[in-house]
Amino acid sequence: MEVVFIASKNKGKIKEFQHFFERYNTEVKSLVDIDEDIEIEETGSTFEENALIKARYLAKLLNKPALADDSGLEVDVINNEPGVFSARYAGSHGDDLANNKKLLAKVKEFPVKERKARFVCALALVNPEGEEIVVRGTSDGLIIDEMRGVNGFGYDPLFYIPKLNKTMGELTKTEKEAISHRGNALRLLGEKLNG
């Protein structure tokens, strides 16, 4: 692959993908590099379905390999909510504070030790010929009662990792890369590409 298009405008994600694909001498481009205003509706009921919808659409549109991710948070005691609705849990897309407040309201009756949760990242790599690779990376933790840390975004300040005694929002970039759901998914993707 000489170039891969990422189905995202998120600068943080794009940087992570650029860093990953450097070892494959593959140039990473994204929706930011395309003149058209592309909105891909995520209608899947799983992270994998949504990642595939985006990657297939972009690969077909551009006739180039495309990579898409769909990620979010699953909390066991509330039936794996917010799940695929993580970014728009409280209504409007990407309102982190409102999403975190809604999550805290939903889990408040459960003790912290019962609030097992996982971040999930599904990655789909699709080439124009129709070959598809789909992987899932996860990162396990607990939902605590108060937001801690200013690193990261989304639910990171509430997502506590017991073995590190920190929330995802308190981790350095290097610490997060080592254990994050996206980092784990990228490692799995790397294994498939090298295999």
Protein backbone atom coordinates (compact mmCIF):
# COMPACT_ATOMS: atom_id res chain seq x y z
CA MET A 1 0.00 0.00 0.00
CA GLU A 2 1.42 3.35 -1.00
CA VAL A 3 -1.43 5.38 0.46
CA VAL A 4 -4.34 4.70 2.79
CA PHE A 5 -7.26 7.04 3.43
CA ILE A 6 -8.56 7.37 6.98
CA ALA A 7 -12.30 7.91 7.36
CA SER A 8 -11.86 10.65 9.96
CA LYS A 9 -11.22 14.36 10.44
CA ASN A 10 -10.02 13.86 14.03
CA LYS A 11 -6.45 15.20 14.11
CA GLY A 12 -5.46 13.06 17.11
CA LYS A 13 -6.61 9.85 15.43
CA ILE A 14 -4.98 10.82 12.13
CA LYS A 15 -1.63 11.35 13.91
CA GLU A 16 -1.89 7.93 15.57
CA PHE A 17 -2.58 6.29 12.22
CA GLN A 18 0.28 8.21 10.52
CA HIS A 19 2.66 7.01 13.22
CA PHE A 20 1.44 3.41 12.80
CA PHE A 21 1.71 3.33 8.97
CA GLU A 22 5.23 4.87 8.89
CA ARG A 23 6.68 1.34 9.30
CA TYR A 24 4.85 0.25 6.13
CA ASN A 25 6.10 3.24 4.09
CA THR A 26 2.44 4.10 3.57
CA GLU A 27 1.25 7.68 3.27
CA VAL A 28 -1.82 8.46 5.36
CA LYS A 29 -4.45 10.83 4.02
CA SER A 30 -7.79 11.62 5.61
CA LEU A 31 -11.15 13.26 4.99
CA VAL A 32 -9.35 16.57 5.61
CA ASP A 33 -7.41 15.99 2.36
CA ILE A 34 -10.53 15.46 0.24
CA ASP A 35 -12.34 18.45 -1.25
CA GLU A 36 -15.77 16.91 -0.95
CA ASP A 37 -17.73 17.26 2.30
CA ILE A 38 -18.21 13.60 3.20
CA GLU A 39 -20.64 12.57 5.92
CA ILE A 40 -20.97 8.81 6.35
CA GLU A 41 -23.99 7.74 8.39
CA GLU A 42 -23.15 5.12 11.01
CA THR A 43 -26.18 2.80 10.97
CA GLY A 44 -24.54 -0.33 12.36
CA SER A 45 -25.46 -1.93 15.68
CA THR A 46 -21.84 -2.88 16.49
CA PHE A 47 -18.50 -1.06 16.39
CA GLU A 48 -17.35 -3.48 13.67
CA GLU A 49 -20.38 -2.79 11.45
CA ASN A 50 -19.89 0.98 11.72
CA ALA A 51 -16.16 0.75 10.95
CA LEU A 52 -16.91 -1.39 7.88
CA ILE A 53 -19.65 0.98 6.65
CA LYS A 54 -17.18 3.89 6.69
CA ALA A 55 -14.20 2.00 5.24
CA ARG A 56 -16.23 0.38 2.43
CA TYR A 57 -17.81 3.71 1.47
CA LEU A 58 -14.45 5.51 1.30
CA ALA A 59 -12.63 2.69 -0.53
CA LYS A 60 -15.37 2.61 -3.18
CA LEU A 61 -15.57 6.41 -3.49
CA LEU A 62 -11.81 6.93 -3.90
CA ASN A 63 -10.80 3.57 -5.37
CA LYS A 64 -8.02 3.46 -2.75
CA PRO A 65 -7.46 1.47 0.46
CA ALA A 66 -9.44 2.96 3.35
CA LEU A 67 -9.25 2.54 7.11
CA ALA A 68 -12.02 3.41 9.53
CA ASP A 69 -12.46 2.99 13.23
CA ASP A 70 -15.46 3.03 15.47
CA SER A 71 -14.87 3.18 19.15
CA GLY A 72 -16.63 3.78 22.41
CA LEU A 73 -17.27 2.71 25.96
CA GLU A 74 -19.20 -0.29 27.29
CA VAL A 75 -20.23 -0.45 30.97
CA ASP A 76 -21.39 -3.88 32.17
CA VAL A 77 -23.93 -2.84 34.84
CA ILE A 78 -25.91 -0.66 32.41
CA ASN A 79 -26.22 -3.26 29.63
CA ASN A 80 -23.00 -2.19 27.87
CA GLU A 81 -24.19 1.41 27.42
CA PRO A 82 -23.27 3.80 25.91
CA GLY A 83 -21.81 1.43 23.26
CA VAL A 84 -22.07 2.63 19.65
CA PHE A 85 -23.81 5.77 20.94
CA SER A 86 -20.80 6.82 23.06
CA ALA A 87 -20.11 10.10 21.21
CA ARG A 88 -23.77 11.14 21.28
CA TYR A 89 -24.91 9.49 24.52
CA ALA A 90 -26.43 12.68 25.97
CA GLY A 91 -27.86 13.89 22.66
CA SER A 92 -25.55 16.13 20.68
CA HIS A 93 -22.46 14.57 19.10
CA GLY A 94 -19.19 15.06 20.98
CA ASP A 95 -20.49 16.85 24.12
CA ASP A 96 -18.01 15.15 26.47
CA LEU A 97 -19.18 16.87 29.66
CA ALA A 98 -22.86 16.04 29.06
CA ASN A 99 -21.97 12.45 28.14
CA ASN A 100 -19.90 12.03 31.33
CA LYS A 101 -22.68 13.51 33.50
CA LYS A 102 -25.25 11.14 31.98
CA LEU A 103 -22.92 8.17 32.54
CA LEU A 104 -22.38 9.11 36.20
CA ALA A 105 -26.14 9.46 36.74
CA LYS A 106 -26.70 5.99 35.24
CA VAL A 107 -24.06 4.21 37.37
CA LYS A 108 -24.42 6.09 40.68
CA GLU A 109 -26.46 3.32 42.38
CA PHE A 110 -23.67 0.79 41.82
CA PRO A 111 -20.46 0.67 43.90
CA VAL A 112 -17.32 1.55 41.91
CA LYS A 113 -15.97 -2.02 42.16
CA GLU A 114 -19.03 -3.25 40.21
CA ARG A 115 -18.69 -0.67 37.44
CA LYS A 116 -16.54 -2.79 35.15
CA ALA A 117 -16.09 -1.12 31.79
CA ARG A 118 -14.09 -1.39 28.61
CA PHE A 119 -13.09 0.94 25.86
CA VAL A 120 -13.57 -0.77 22.48
CA CYS A 121 -12.01 0.11 19.13
CA ALA A 122 -12.95 -1.71 15.95
CA LEU A 123 -10.73 -1.06 12.93
CA ALA A 124 -11.71 -1.96 9.37
CA LEU A 125 -9.21 -1.82 6.51
CA VAL A 126 -10.83 -2.24 3.09
CA ASN A 127 -9.17 -2.14 -0.32
CA PRO A 128 -11.00 -1.35 -3.57
CA GLU A 129 -10.88 -5.02 -4.63
CA GLY A 130 -13.04 -5.87 -1.62
CA GLU A 131 -10.46 -7.42 0.71
CA GLU A 132 -11.32 -6.60 4.32
CA ILE A 133 -9.47 -6.85 7.61
CA VAL A 134 -11.42 -6.18 10.81
CA VAL A 135 -9.88 -6.19 14.29
CA ARG A 136 -11.10 -5.26 17.78
CA GLY A 137 -8.95 -3.84 20.55
CA THR A 138 -10.13 -3.30 24.13
CA SER A 139 -8.89 -1.73 27.34
CA ASP A 140 -10.45 -2.65 30.71
CA GLY A 141 -11.14 -0.48 33.72
CA LEU A 142 -13.74 0.87 36.16
CA ILE A 143 -15.96 3.96 36.13
CA ILE A 144 -15.18 6.18 39.14
CA ASP A 145 -17.31 8.92 40.75
CA GLU A 146 -15.37 12.01 39.72
CA MET A 147 -13.46 13.16 36.67
CA ARG A 148 -9.67 13.07 37.06
CA GLY A 149 -7.01 14.20 34.61
CA VAL A 150 -6.92 16.59 31.68
CA ASN A 151 -5.25 14.37 29.09
CA GLY A 152 -7.34 12.57 26.53
CA PHE A 153 -10.98 13.23 25.73
CA GLY A 154 -14.42 11.66 25.99
CA TYR A 155 -14.81 9.35 28.97
CA ASP A 156 -11.05 9.22 29.73
CA PRO A 157 -11.32 11.20 33.03
CA LEU A 158 -13.86 8.69 34.48
CA PHE A 159 -12.15 5.52 33.19
CA TYR A 160 -9.92 4.20 36.00
CA ILE A 161 -7.21 1.60 35.36
CA PRO A 162 -6.56 -0.19 38.71
CA LYS A 163 -3.13 -1.61 37.78
CA LEU A 164 -1.85 1.91 37.01
CA ASN A 165 -3.85 3.65 39.77
CA LYS A 166 -4.75 6.36 37.24
CA THR A 167 -7.63 7.32 34.98
CA MET A 168 -7.12 7.30 31.22
CA GLY A 169 -7.25 11.11 31.55
CA GLU A 170 -4.17 11.06 33.82
CA LEU A 171 -1.97 8.96 31.53
CA THR A 172 0.87 10.33 29.45
CA LYS A 173 0.64 9.81 25.70
CA THR A 174 3.18 6.94 25.91
CA GLU A 175 1.33 5.25 28.80
CA LYS A 176 -1.97 5.53 26.95
CA GLU A 177 -0.53 4.16 23.69
CA ALA A 178 0.72 1.07 25.56
CA ILE A 179 -2.71 0.08 26.92
CA SER A 180 -5.39 1.91 24.94
CA HIS A 181 -8.09 0.20 22.91
CA ARG A 182 -6.90 1.94 19.73
CA GLY A 183 -3.28 1.02 20.43
CA ASN A 184 -4.31 -2.62 21.00
CA ALA A 185 -6.40 -2.63 17.79
CA LEU A 186 -3.49 -1.17 15.80
CA ARG A 187 -1.15 -3.88 17.16
CA LEU A 188 -3.64 -6.55 16.03
CA LEU A 189 -3.92 -4.89 12.62
CA GLY A 190 -0.13 -4.90 12.38
CA GLU A 191 -0.06 -8.65 13.10
CA LYS A 192 -2.57 -9.26 10.28
CA LEU A 193 -0.66 -7.06 7.82
CA ASN A 194 2.62 -8.78 8.69
CA GLY A 195 1.06 -12.26 8.62
